[in-house]
Amino acid sequence: MRATASLPLVSLFGLFAGVAAAQSPVTQASQVGGDAVTMAFPAEARVAYVDVDRVAALSAEGKAANAKLNDLRAKKAADLQARSKQVQALQDKINQGTNVLNDGTRVRLQRDFQRAQIDFQRASEDAQSEVQEAQQETSQAFSARLFPIIGEVAKEKKIWAVFGTETSLLWHDAAMDLSEEVAKRLDASTKRQ
């Protein structure tokens, strides 16, 4: 059975949020006496699931991709903050000089202020678009590496179908979560290259 990239991966590498380090409600480990205990995958199981966000949080490749996206977000945020300060400085000049500026200077400052506001808005939209594009490219590249590994694990375990947790998983046996094993295999395949 061949996996396709049609699974919803929108949540992977959220636009302004990093991958959650905490386990989601759908996890492989069950809490026993405060310690996480990994459950054995049942040999008779014919369906399983993978939490793609968890694989991203566990795997070195996912962590590196998330760090790269966070760097881009930080760079864009710093640029927007600098532009915002320029807009505010022009607004302050206009407010402070209301009574002392001649009409020509006031008009020029107001034009500069409006131009700066428009530039800020465009830069904000461009930054958001660039981050979304990078997020989408990262998600597609991660999926291209991930899906064959999910297929390998599924074939080895003779699984009929593997679901993503993005498909509204309402109940599950935590032992059927392949996320941790897939993350380990992803890391191992990255080291081989």
N, C-alpha and C. Protein backbone atom coordinates (compact mmCIF):
# COMPACT_ATOMS: atom_id res chain seq x y z
N MET A 1 0.86 -1.18 0.00
CA MET A 1 0.00 0.00 0.00
C MET A 1 0.89 1.23 0.00
N ARG A 2 0.60 2.17 -0.82
CA ARG A 2 1.44 3.36 -0.97
C ARG A 2 0.79 4.55 -0.26
N ALA A 3 1.58 5.24 0.57
CA ALA A 3 1.07 6.43 1.26
C ALA A 3 1.14 7.62 0.30
N THR A 4 0.18 8.50 0.44
CA THR A 4 0.19 9.70 -0.39
C THR A 4 0.29 10.92 0.49
N ALA A 5 0.63 12.02 -0.12
CA ALA A 5 0.80 13.27 0.62
C ALA A 5 -0.52 13.99 0.84
N SER A 6 -1.63 13.29 0.72
CA SER A 6 -2.91 13.96 0.86
C SER A 6 -3.36 14.10 2.31
N LEU A 7 -2.62 13.53 3.24
CA LEU A 7 -2.97 13.72 4.65
C LEU A 7 -2.84 15.19 5.00
N PRO A 8 -3.73 15.71 5.82
CA PRO A 8 -3.63 17.13 6.20
C PRO A 8 -2.42 17.36 7.08
N LEU A 9 -1.46 18.11 6.57
CA LEU A 9 -0.24 18.39 7.31
C LEU A 9 -0.16 19.86 7.69
N VAL A 10 -1.31 20.54 7.66
CA VAL A 10 -1.33 21.97 7.93
C VAL A 10 -0.80 22.27 9.32
N SER A 11 -1.10 21.40 10.27
CA SER A 11 -0.68 21.68 11.64
C SER A 11 0.83 21.53 11.82
N LEU A 12 1.48 20.79 10.91
CA LEU A 12 2.92 20.59 11.02
C LEU A 12 3.64 21.92 10.88
N PHE A 13 4.49 22.22 11.82
CA PHE A 13 5.26 23.46 11.84
C PHE A 13 4.33 24.68 11.78
N GLY A 14 3.47 24.82 12.76
CA GLY A 14 2.52 25.94 12.82
C GLY A 14 3.17 27.27 12.52
N LEU A 15 2.41 28.18 11.91
CA LEU A 15 2.94 29.44 11.41
C LEU A 15 3.69 30.23 12.48
N PHE A 16 3.12 30.43 13.65
CA PHE A 16 3.80 31.22 14.67
C PHE A 16 3.97 30.43 15.96
N ALA A 17 3.91 29.10 15.85
CA ALA A 17 4.12 28.29 17.04
C ALA A 17 5.09 27.18 16.71
N GLY A 18 5.95 26.84 17.62
CA GLY A 18 6.90 25.76 17.43
C GLY A 18 6.21 24.43 17.65
N VAL A 19 6.90 23.37 17.37
CA VAL A 19 6.35 22.05 17.62
C VAL A 19 6.27 21.85 19.12
N ALA A 20 5.15 21.39 19.59
CA ALA A 20 4.95 21.22 21.03
C ALA A 20 5.86 20.12 21.55
N ALA A 21 6.56 20.43 22.60
CA ALA A 21 7.44 19.44 23.22
C ALA A 21 6.63 18.48 24.07
N ALA A 22 5.52 18.94 24.59
CA ALA A 22 4.69 18.08 25.43
C ALA A 22 3.96 17.07 24.56
N GLN A 23 3.65 15.91 25.14
CA GLN A 23 2.93 14.90 24.39
C GLN A 23 1.50 15.33 24.19
N SER A 24 0.94 15.01 23.03
CA SER A 24 -0.46 15.28 22.76
C SER A 24 -1.30 14.24 23.48
N PRO A 25 -2.63 14.42 23.50
CA PRO A 25 -3.47 13.42 24.15
C PRO A 25 -3.30 12.04 23.51
N VAL A 26 -2.93 11.99 22.24
CA VAL A 26 -2.73 10.73 21.55
C VAL A 26 -1.24 10.43 21.61
N THR A 27 -0.84 9.57 22.53
CA THR A 27 0.58 9.29 22.71
C THR A 27 0.83 7.80 22.76
N GLN A 28 2.08 7.44 22.57
CA GLN A 28 2.45 6.04 22.64
C GLN A 28 2.72 5.63 24.07
N ALA A 29 3.18 6.51 24.88
CA ALA A 29 3.53 6.17 26.25
C ALA A 29 2.31 6.34 27.15
N SER A 30 2.12 5.40 28.04
CA SER A 30 1.06 5.59 29.02
C SER A 30 1.73 5.88 30.35
N GLN A 31 1.11 6.71 31.14
CA GLN A 31 1.69 7.11 32.41
C GLN A 31 1.39 6.04 33.46
N VAL A 32 2.43 5.49 34.03
CA VAL A 32 2.30 4.51 35.09
C VAL A 32 3.18 4.97 36.23
N GLY A 33 2.57 5.36 37.34
CA GLY A 33 3.33 5.79 38.50
C GLY A 33 4.26 6.95 38.20
N GLY A 34 3.87 7.84 37.28
CA GLY A 34 4.68 9.01 36.97
C GLY A 34 5.74 8.76 35.91
N ASP A 35 5.99 7.51 35.55
CA ASP A 35 7.00 7.18 34.53
C ASP A 35 6.31 6.80 33.23
N ALA A 36 6.90 7.22 32.13
CA ALA A 36 6.35 6.84 30.83
C ALA A 36 6.82 5.43 30.50
N VAL A 37 5.89 4.58 30.11
CA VAL A 37 6.21 3.20 29.76
C VAL A 37 5.80 3.00 28.31
N THR A 38 6.74 2.60 27.46
CA THR A 38 6.42 2.34 26.06
C THR A 38 5.72 0.99 25.98
N MET A 39 4.59 0.98 25.29
CA MET A 39 3.82 -0.24 25.17
C MET A 39 4.25 -0.98 23.90
N ALA A 40 4.20 -2.30 23.95
CA ALA A 40 4.57 -3.12 22.79
C ALA A 40 3.47 -3.07 21.75
N PHE A 41 3.86 -2.91 20.50
CA PHE A 41 2.88 -2.89 19.41
C PHE A 41 2.28 -4.29 19.30
N PRO A 42 0.96 -4.39 19.33
CA PRO A 42 0.32 -5.72 19.27
C PRO A 42 0.55 -6.40 17.92
N ALA A 43 1.03 -7.63 17.94
CA ALA A 43 1.33 -8.37 16.72
C ALA A 43 0.09 -8.60 15.87
N GLU A 44 -1.07 -8.70 16.49
CA GLU A 44 -2.31 -8.97 15.75
C GLU A 44 -2.94 -7.71 15.15
N ALA A 45 -2.39 -6.56 15.42
CA ALA A 45 -2.95 -5.30 14.92
C ALA A 45 -2.81 -5.22 13.40
N ARG A 46 -3.84 -4.72 12.75
CA ARG A 46 -3.81 -4.57 11.30
C ARG A 46 -3.97 -3.11 10.87
N VAL A 47 -4.22 -2.23 11.81
CA VAL A 47 -4.25 -0.79 11.54
C VAL A 47 -3.42 -0.12 12.63
N ALA A 48 -2.89 1.05 12.27
CA ALA A 48 -2.08 1.81 13.22
C ALA A 48 -2.24 3.29 12.88
N TYR A 49 -1.56 4.12 13.64
CA TYR A 49 -1.59 5.55 13.36
C TYR A 49 -0.22 6.14 13.61
N VAL A 50 0.00 7.31 13.01
CA VAL A 50 1.23 8.06 13.21
C VAL A 50 0.83 9.52 13.47
N ASP A 51 1.37 10.07 14.53
CA ASP A 51 1.18 11.48 14.85
C ASP A 51 2.36 12.22 14.21
N VAL A 52 2.12 12.85 13.06
CA VAL A 52 3.18 13.50 12.29
C VAL A 52 3.84 14.61 13.10
N ASP A 53 3.06 15.36 13.86
CA ASP A 53 3.64 16.42 14.69
C ASP A 53 4.57 15.82 15.75
N ARG A 54 4.18 14.69 16.29
CA ARG A 54 5.03 14.03 17.29
C ARG A 54 6.32 13.52 16.65
N VAL A 55 6.22 12.97 15.45
CA VAL A 55 7.42 12.52 14.74
C VAL A 55 8.35 13.72 14.52
N ALA A 56 7.77 14.85 14.13
CA ALA A 56 8.58 16.06 13.92
C ALA A 56 9.24 16.50 15.22
N ALA A 57 8.52 16.37 16.33
CA ALA A 57 9.06 16.79 17.62
C ALA A 57 10.13 15.82 18.13
N LEU A 58 10.04 14.55 17.76
CA LEU A 58 10.98 13.55 18.24
C LEU A 58 12.21 13.41 17.35
N SER A 59 12.06 13.61 16.07
CA SER A 59 13.16 13.33 15.13
C SER A 59 14.11 14.52 15.00
N ALA A 60 15.36 14.21 14.75
CA ALA A 60 16.37 15.25 14.54
C ALA A 60 16.02 16.09 13.31
N GLU A 61 15.55 15.45 12.26
CA GLU A 61 15.18 16.17 11.03
C GLU A 61 14.03 17.15 11.30
N GLY A 62 13.04 16.72 12.06
CA GLY A 62 11.92 17.58 12.40
C GLY A 62 12.35 18.75 13.26
N LYS A 63 13.22 18.48 14.23
CA LYS A 63 13.72 19.54 15.11
C LYS A 63 14.54 20.56 14.31
N ALA A 64 15.36 20.08 13.37
CA ALA A 64 16.17 20.98 12.56
C ALA A 64 15.28 21.85 11.66
N ALA A 65 14.28 21.24 11.07
CA ALA A 65 13.36 21.98 10.21
C ALA A 65 12.60 23.03 11.02
N ASN A 66 12.18 22.66 12.21
CA ASN A 66 11.46 23.60 13.06
C ASN A 66 12.37 24.75 13.48
N ALA A 67 13.62 24.46 13.78
CA ALA A 67 14.57 25.51 14.17
C ALA A 67 14.78 26.48 13.01
N LYS A 68 14.87 25.94 11.80
CA LYS A 68 15.04 26.78 10.61
C LYS A 68 13.84 27.71 10.42
N LEU A 69 12.65 27.16 10.60
CA LEU A 69 11.44 27.99 10.48
C LEU A 69 11.38 29.03 11.59
N ASN A 70 11.77 28.66 12.79
CA ASN A 70 11.78 29.62 13.89
C ASN A 70 12.77 30.76 13.63
N ASP A 71 13.93 30.43 13.04
CA ASP A 71 14.90 31.47 12.68
C ASP A 71 14.31 32.44 11.66
N LEU A 72 13.62 31.90 10.66
CA LEU A 72 12.98 32.75 9.65
C LEU A 72 11.92 33.64 10.29
N ARG A 73 11.11 33.06 11.16
CA ARG A 73 10.08 33.84 11.85
C ARG A 73 10.71 34.96 12.67
N ALA A 74 11.79 34.66 13.38
CA ALA A 74 12.47 35.66 14.23
C ALA A 74 13.04 36.78 13.38
N LYS A 75 13.64 36.42 12.24
CA LYS A 75 14.20 37.42 11.33
C LYS A 75 13.11 38.35 10.80
N LYS A 76 12.00 37.77 10.39
CA LYS A 76 10.90 38.57 9.86
C LYS A 76 10.28 39.44 10.96
N ALA A 77 10.16 38.90 12.16
CA ALA A 77 9.61 39.67 13.27
C ALA A 77 10.51 40.85 13.61
N ALA A 78 11.83 40.66 13.58
CA ALA A 78 12.76 41.75 13.87
C ALA A 78 12.67 42.85 12.81
N ASP A 79 12.55 42.45 11.55
CA ASP A 79 12.40 43.42 10.47
C ASP A 79 11.11 44.21 10.63
N LEU A 80 10.03 43.53 10.95
CA LEU A 80 8.75 44.22 11.12
C LEU A 80 8.77 45.14 12.34
N GLN A 81 9.46 44.72 13.38
CA GLN A 81 9.56 45.57 14.56
C GLN A 81 10.31 46.86 14.23
N ALA A 82 11.39 46.75 13.45
CA ALA A 82 12.15 47.94 13.05
C ALA A 82 11.29 48.86 12.20
N ARG A 83 10.52 48.28 11.28
CA ARG A 83 9.64 49.10 10.44
C ARG A 83 8.54 49.76 11.27
N SER A 84 8.05 49.04 12.24
CA SER A 84 7.02 49.58 13.12
C SER A 84 7.55 50.78 13.91
N LYS A 85 8.79 50.70 14.34
CA LYS A 85 9.41 51.81 15.07
C LYS A 85 9.55 53.03 14.18
N GLN A 86 9.87 52.81 12.89
CA GLN A 86 9.98 53.93 11.95
C GLN A 86 8.62 54.62 11.77
N VAL A 87 7.57 53.82 11.64
CA VAL A 87 6.23 54.38 11.49
C VAL A 87 5.86 55.17 12.74
N GLN A 88 6.16 54.60 13.91
CA GLN A 88 5.84 55.28 15.16
C GLN A 88 6.63 56.58 15.31
N ALA A 89 7.90 56.57 14.89
CA ALA A 89 8.72 57.78 14.98
C ALA A 89 8.14 58.89 14.11
N LEU A 90 7.68 58.55 12.91
CA LEU A 90 7.05 59.56 12.05
C LEU A 90 5.75 60.07 12.66
N GLN A 91 4.98 59.18 13.25
CA GLN A 91 3.74 59.59 13.92
C GLN A 91 4.05 60.53 15.08
N ASP A 92 5.07 60.23 15.84
CA ASP A 92 5.47 61.09 16.96
C ASP A 92 5.91 62.47 16.47
N LYS A 93 6.66 62.50 15.37
CA LYS A 93 7.10 63.78 14.80
C LYS A 93 5.91 64.64 14.41
N ILE A 94 4.95 64.01 13.78
CA ILE A 94 3.75 64.74 13.36
C ILE A 94 3.01 65.26 14.58
N ASN A 95 2.82 64.41 15.58
CA ASN A 95 2.08 64.81 16.79
C ASN A 95 2.80 65.93 17.55
N GLN A 96 4.10 65.83 17.66
CA GLN A 96 4.87 66.83 18.41
C GLN A 96 4.95 68.16 17.67
N GLY A 97 4.96 68.11 16.36
CA GLY A 97 5.13 69.33 15.58
C GLY A 97 3.86 69.95 15.08
N THR A 98 2.72 69.49 15.54
CA THR A 98 1.44 70.00 15.04
C THR A 98 1.37 71.53 15.07
N ASN A 99 1.81 72.14 16.14
CA ASN A 99 1.68 73.60 16.28
C ASN A 99 2.89 74.37 15.75
N VAL A 100 4.03 73.71 15.57
CA VAL A 100 5.24 74.44 15.17
C VAL A 100 5.68 74.20 13.73
N LEU A 101 5.15 73.16 13.09
CA LEU A 101 5.56 72.86 11.71
C LEU A 101 4.79 73.74 10.72
N ASN A 102 5.50 74.18 9.69
CA ASN A 102 4.79 74.90 8.63
C ASN A 102 4.00 73.90 7.80
N ASP A 103 3.09 74.38 6.98
CA ASP A 103 2.19 73.51 6.23
C ASP A 103 2.94 72.55 5.31
N GLY A 104 3.97 73.03 4.63
CA GLY A 104 4.74 72.19 3.70
C GLY A 104 5.42 71.04 4.42
N THR A 105 6.02 71.31 5.55
CA THR A 105 6.71 70.28 6.32
C THR A 105 5.71 69.28 6.87
N ARG A 106 4.58 69.79 7.36
CA ARG A 106 3.55 68.90 7.91
C ARG A 106 3.02 67.96 6.83
N VAL A 107 2.75 68.49 5.64
CA VAL A 107 2.24 67.68 4.54
C VAL A 107 3.28 66.62 4.14
N ARG A 108 4.55 67.03 4.07
CA ARG A 108 5.62 66.08 3.73
C ARG A 108 5.71 64.96 4.77
N LEU A 109 5.65 65.31 6.05
CA LEU A 109 5.71 64.31 7.12
C LEU A 109 4.51 63.36 7.06
N GLN A 110 3.34 63.92 6.77
CA GLN A 110 2.15 63.07 6.67
C GLN A 110 2.25 62.10 5.50
N ARG A 111 2.80 62.58 4.37
CA ARG A 111 3.02 61.70 3.23
C ARG A 111 4.03 60.61 3.57
N ASP A 112 5.12 61.00 4.23
CA ASP A 112 6.13 60.02 4.65
C ASP A 112 5.53 58.98 5.60
N PHE A 113 4.68 59.48 6.50
CA PHE A 113 4.02 58.58 7.45
C PHE A 113 3.11 57.59 6.72
N GLN A 114 2.29 58.08 5.79
CA GLN A 114 1.40 57.21 5.03
C GLN A 114 2.18 56.19 4.21
N ARG A 115 3.28 56.65 3.59
CA ARG A 115 4.13 55.75 2.82
C ARG A 115 4.74 54.67 3.73
N ALA A 116 5.19 55.09 4.90
CA ALA A 116 5.78 54.14 5.85
C ALA A 116 4.75 53.12 6.33
N GLN A 117 3.50 53.58 6.54
CA GLN A 117 2.43 52.67 6.93
C GLN A 117 2.16 51.63 5.84
N ILE A 118 2.09 52.10 4.61
CA ILE A 118 1.85 51.19 3.48
C ILE A 118 3.01 50.21 3.34
N ASP A 119 4.25 50.71 3.45
CA ASP A 119 5.43 49.84 3.37
C ASP A 119 5.40 48.78 4.48
N PHE A 120 5.01 49.22 5.68
CA PHE A 120 4.92 48.28 6.81
C PHE A 120 3.88 47.21 6.52
N GLN A 121 2.72 47.61 6.04
CA GLN A 121 1.65 46.64 5.74
C GLN A 121 2.11 45.64 4.67
N ARG A 122 2.75 46.14 3.62
CA ARG A 122 3.24 45.24 2.57
C ARG A 122 4.31 44.30 3.10
N ALA A 123 5.22 44.85 3.90
CA ALA A 123 6.28 44.02 4.47
C ALA A 123 5.69 42.95 5.38
N SER A 124 4.66 43.31 6.11
CA SER A 124 4.00 42.36 7.00
C SER A 124 3.35 41.23 6.20
N GLU A 125 2.65 41.60 5.13
CA GLU A 125 2.01 40.60 4.27
C GLU A 125 3.06 39.72 3.59
N ASP A 126 4.15 40.35 3.11
CA ASP A 126 5.22 39.60 2.46
C ASP A 126 5.88 38.63 3.43
N ALA A 127 6.10 39.08 4.66
CA ALA A 127 6.73 38.22 5.68
C ALA A 127 5.84 37.03 5.98
N GLN A 128 4.56 37.28 6.15
CA GLN A 128 3.63 36.19 6.44
C GLN A 128 3.59 35.20 5.28
N SER A 129 3.56 35.72 4.07
CA SER A 129 3.54 34.87 2.88
C SER A 129 4.83 34.04 2.78
N GLU A 130 5.96 34.68 3.04
CA GLU A 130 7.24 33.97 2.96
C GLU A 130 7.34 32.87 4.01
N VAL A 131 6.87 33.16 5.22
CA VAL A 131 6.90 32.15 6.27
C VAL A 131 5.96 31.00 5.92
N GLN A 132 4.77 31.31 5.41
CA GLN A 132 3.83 30.26 5.02
C GLN A 132 4.41 29.40 3.89
N GLU A 133 5.05 30.04 2.94
CA GLU A 133 5.66 29.30 1.83
C GLU A 133 6.77 28.39 2.34
N ALA A 134 7.61 28.92 3.21
CA ALA A 134 8.70 28.10 3.79
C ALA A 134 8.12 26.96 4.60
N GLN A 135 7.05 27.23 5.33
CA GLN A 135 6.39 26.20 6.12
C GLN A 135 5.85 25.09 5.21
N GLN A 136 5.24 25.49 4.12
CA GLN A 136 4.67 24.52 3.19
C GLN A 136 5.78 23.69 2.53
N GLU A 137 6.85 24.34 2.10
CA GLU A 137 7.97 23.63 1.48
C GLU A 137 8.59 22.65 2.47
N THR A 138 8.76 23.10 3.71
CA THR A 138 9.34 22.25 4.75
C THR A 138 8.44 21.05 5.01
N SER A 139 7.15 21.30 5.09
CA SER A 139 6.19 20.23 5.33
C SER A 139 6.21 19.21 4.19
N GLN A 140 6.26 19.69 2.96
CA GLN A 140 6.29 18.78 1.80
C GLN A 140 7.58 17.96 1.78
N ALA A 141 8.71 18.60 2.07
CA ALA A 141 9.99 17.89 2.09
C ALA A 141 10.00 16.85 3.21
N PHE A 142 9.48 17.23 4.38
CA PHE A 142 9.42 16.31 5.51
C PHE A 142 8.52 15.13 5.18
N SER A 143 7.37 15.40 4.58
CA SER A 143 6.44 14.33 4.20
C SER A 143 7.06 13.39 3.17
N ALA A 144 7.78 13.95 2.22
CA ALA A 144 8.42 13.13 1.18
C ALA A 144 9.42 12.15 1.80
N ARG A 145 10.07 12.56 2.87
CA ARG A 145 11.01 11.66 3.56
C ARG A 145 10.27 10.71 4.51
N LEU A 146 9.18 11.20 5.09
CA LEU A 146 8.47 10.46 6.13
C LEU A 146 7.61 9.33 5.58
N PHE A 147 6.85 9.57 4.53
CA PHE A 147 5.88 8.59 4.07
C PHE A 147 6.51 7.26 3.64
N PRO A 148 7.65 7.24 2.96
CA PRO A 148 8.25 5.94 2.64
C PRO A 148 8.66 5.16 3.91
N ILE A 149 9.09 5.87 4.92
CA ILE A 149 9.48 5.21 6.17
C ILE A 149 8.24 4.63 6.87
N ILE A 150 7.14 5.38 6.84
CA ILE A 150 5.89 4.85 7.41
C ILE A 150 5.51 3.58 6.66
N GLY A 151 5.67 3.61 5.34
CA GLY A 151 5.36 2.42 4.54
C GLY A 151 6.24 1.23 4.89
N GLU A 152 7.53 1.47 5.12
CA GLU A 152 8.44 0.39 5.51
C GLU A 152 8.01 -0.24 6.83
N VAL A 153 7.75 0.60 7.81
CA VAL A 153 7.33 0.11 9.13
C VAL A 153 6.02 -0.66 9.01
N ALA A 154 5.08 -0.12 8.25
CA ALA A 154 3.78 -0.78 8.08
C ALA A 154 3.93 -2.15 7.41
N LYS A 155 4.78 -2.24 6.39
CA LYS A 155 5.00 -3.53 5.72
C LYS A 155 5.63 -4.54 6.66
N GLU A 156 6.63 -4.10 7.41
CA GLU A 156 7.30 -5.00 8.36
C GLU A 156 6.32 -5.54 9.40
N LYS A 157 5.39 -4.71 9.82
CA LYS A 157 4.43 -5.10 10.85
C LYS A 157 3.15 -5.68 10.25
N LYS A 158 3.12 -5.79 8.91
CA LYS A 158 1.97 -6.32 8.18
C LYS A 158 0.69 -5.56 8.52
N ILE A 159 0.82 -4.24 8.49
CA ILE A 159 -0.30 -3.35 8.78
C ILE A 159 -1.09 -3.12 7.50
N TRP A 160 -2.40 -3.11 7.60
CA TRP A 160 -3.25 -2.87 6.45
C TRP A 160 -3.39 -1.39 6.15
N ALA A 161 -3.46 -0.57 7.18
CA ALA A 161 -3.65 0.86 6.98
C ALA A 161 -3.02 1.63 8.14
N VAL A 162 -2.45 2.79 7.81
CA VAL A 162 -1.88 3.68 8.82
C VAL A 162 -2.59 5.02 8.70
N PHE A 163 -3.16 5.46 9.79
CA PHE A 163 -3.89 6.72 9.82
C PHE A 163 -3.03 7.80 10.47
N GLY A 164 -3.30 9.03 10.12
CA GLY A 164 -2.69 10.16 10.81
C GLY A 164 -3.62 10.62 11.90
N THR A 165 -3.09 11.18 12.96
CA THR A 165 -3.94 11.65 14.05
C THR A 165 -4.74 12.88 13.65
N GLU A 166 -4.39 13.49 12.51
CA GLU A 166 -5.11 14.66 12.03
C GLU A 166 -6.50 14.28 11.53
N THR A 167 -6.80 12.99 11.42
CA THR A 167 -8.07 12.54 10.88
C THR A 167 -9.11 12.30 11.98
N SER A 168 -9.06 13.09 13.03
CA SER A 168 -10.03 13.02 14.14
C SER A 168 -10.10 11.64 14.76
N LEU A 169 -8.98 11.17 15.21
CA LEU A 169 -8.91 9.90 15.91
C LEU A 169 -9.67 10.04 17.22
N LEU A 170 -10.74 9.28 17.39
CA LEU A 170 -11.61 9.43 18.55
C LEU A 170 -11.23 8.50 19.69
N TRP A 171 -10.67 7.39 19.37
CA TRP A 171 -10.21 6.45 20.38
C TRP A 171 -9.09 5.63 19.78
N HIS A 172 -8.18 5.20 20.62
CA HIS A 172 -7.08 4.37 20.13
C HIS A 172 -6.47 3.60 21.28
N ASP A 173 -5.76 2.56 20.91
CA ASP A 173 -4.91 1.84 21.85
C ASP A 173 -3.54 2.45 21.67
N ALA A 174 -2.99 3.04 22.70
CA ALA A 174 -1.72 3.76 22.60
C ALA A 174 -0.59 2.88 22.07
N ALA A 175 -0.71 1.59 22.23
CA ALA A 175 0.33 0.68 21.72
C ALA A 175 0.37 0.65 20.21
N MET A 176 -0.68 1.13 19.54
CA MET A 176 -0.73 1.11 18.08
C MET A 176 -0.12 2.35 17.45
N ASP A 177 0.48 3.20 18.26
CA ASP A 177 1.12 4.42 17.77
C ASP A 177 2.52 4.10 17.25
N LEU A 178 2.72 4.30 15.96
CA LEU A 178 4.02 4.04 15.34
C LEU A 178 4.93 5.27 15.34
N SER A 179 4.49 6.39 15.89
CA SER A 179 5.20 7.66 15.78
C SER A 179 6.64 7.57 16.26
N GLU A 180 6.86 6.99 17.43
CA GLU A 180 8.21 6.92 17.98
C GLU A 180 9.13 6.08 17.10
N GLU A 181 8.64 4.94 16.65
CA GLU A 181 9.45 4.08 15.79
C GLU A 181 9.74 4.77 14.46
N VAL A 182 8.76 5.45 13.90
CA VAL A 182 8.96 6.16 12.64
C VAL A 182 9.99 7.27 12.82
N ALA A 183 9.94 8.00 13.92
CA ALA A 183 10.91 9.06 14.19
C ALA A 183 12.33 8.49 14.28
N LYS A 184 12.47 7.36 14.96
CA LYS A 184 13.80 6.72 15.07
C LYS A 184 14.30 6.28 13.70
N ARG A 185 13.42 5.71 12.90
CA ARG A 185 13.82 5.28 11.55
C ARG A 185 14.19 6.47 10.67
N LEU A 186 13.44 7.56 10.81
CA LEU A 186 13.73 8.77 10.05
C LEU A 186 15.14 9.27 10.40
N ASP A 187 15.44 9.31 11.69
CA ASP A 187 16.79 9.72 12.11
C ASP A 187 17.87 8.77 11.57
N ALA A 188 17.58 7.47 11.63
CA ALA A 188 18.55 6.48 11.14
C ALA A 188 18.77 6.62 9.64
N SER A 189 17.69 6.88 8.90
CA SER A 189 17.85 7.02 7.44
C SER A 189 18.60 8.31 7.10
N THR A 190 18.45 9.34 7.91
CA THR A 190 19.17 10.59 7.69
C THR A 190 20.65 10.38 7.92
N LYS A 191 21.01 9.60 8.92
CA LYS A 191 22.42 9.33 9.23
C LYS A 191 23.10 8.52 8.13
N ARG A 192 22.32 7.64 7.47
CA ARG A 192 22.89 6.81 6.39
C ARG A 192 23.23 7.62 5.15
N GLN A 193 22.58 8.78 4.99
CA GLN A 193 22.78 9.56 3.76
C GLN A 193 23.99 10.41 3.83
